[in-house]
């Protein structure tokens, strides 16, 4: 894949019988990023930063 895009699919480990959860909720992922000392930034497919609210999605140029 290599593009850095998060997607859902059927992971090989699920087929192998793994019982651990695969997905994270958005707030859990943001917490882990901040805990690692980084700033979470959502980006579009052209790698431009975006800002998302409950009702809008804005590309920050």
Protein backbone atom coordinates (compact mmCIF):
# COMPACT_ATOMS: atom_id res chain seq x y z
CA UNK A 1 0.00 0.00 0.00
CA UNK A 2 2.64 2.57 1.02
CA UNK A 3 0.48 5.67 0.55
CA UNK A 4 -0.20 6.16 4.26
CA UNK A 5 -3.93 5.84 3.71
CA UNK A 6 -5.83 4.03 6.44
CA UNK A 7 -8.23 1.51 5.00
CA UNK A 8 -10.29 -1.38 6.29
CA UNK A 9 -9.72 -4.77 4.79
CA UNK A 10 -9.46 -8.38 5.80
CA UNK A 11 -6.13 -8.72 7.57
CA UNK A 12 -4.17 -11.94 7.24
CA UNK A 13 -3.99 -12.28 11.03
CA UNK A 14 -7.80 -12.50 11.22
CA UNK A 15 -7.67 -15.43 8.84
CA UNK A 16 -5.01 -16.96 11.07
CA UNK A 17 -7.33 -16.99 14.08
CA UNK A 18 -6.14 -13.88 15.97
CA UNK A 19 -8.55 -12.74 18.66
CA UNK A 20 -7.25 -9.19 19.24
CA UNK A 21 -9.18 -6.17 17.97
CA UNK A 22 -7.95 -4.57 14.75
CA UNK A 23 -9.60 -1.16 14.71
CA UNK A 24 -9.26 1.93 16.86
CA UNK A 25 -11.81 4.64 17.39
CA UNK A 26 -10.77 8.07 16.13
CA UNK A 27 -10.35 9.50 19.65
CA UNK A 28 -8.21 6.49 20.68
CA UNK A 29 -5.94 7.00 17.68
CA UNK A 30 -5.62 10.74 18.39
CA UNK A 31 -4.74 9.98 22.03
CA UNK A 32 -1.99 7.55 21.01
CA UNK A 33 -0.51 10.05 18.54
CA UNK A 34 -0.43 12.80 21.19
CA UNK A 35 0.96 10.39 23.80
CA UNK A 36 3.85 9.73 21.39
CA UNK A 37 4.61 13.47 21.39
CA UNK A 38 3.23 14.11 17.92
CA UNK A 39 0.50 16.37 16.56
CA UNK A 40 -2.25 14.48 14.73
CA UNK A 41 -3.07 16.04 11.36
CA UNK A 42 -5.70 14.65 9.03
CA UNK A 43 -4.79 14.98 5.35
CA UNK A 44 -6.55 14.48 2.03
CA UNK A 45 -5.28 12.28 -0.80
CA UNK A 46 -3.04 15.10 -2.06
CA UNK A 47 -1.48 15.33 1.45
CA UNK A 48 -3.06 18.72 2.16
CA UNK A 49 -4.10 19.27 5.81
CA UNK A 50 -7.85 19.19 6.36
CA UNK A 51 -10.08 20.32 9.18
CA UNK A 52 -13.17 18.28 9.99
CA UNK A 53 -16.15 19.14 12.18
CA UNK A 54 -19.42 17.28 12.58
CA UNK A 55 -20.91 19.04 9.55
CA UNK A 56 -17.97 20.30 7.45
CA UNK A 57 -14.75 19.14 5.82
CA UNK A 58 -12.33 21.93 4.84
CA UNK A 59 -9.01 21.64 2.99
CA UNK A 60 -6.50 24.02 4.55
CA UNK A 61 -4.39 25.51 1.75
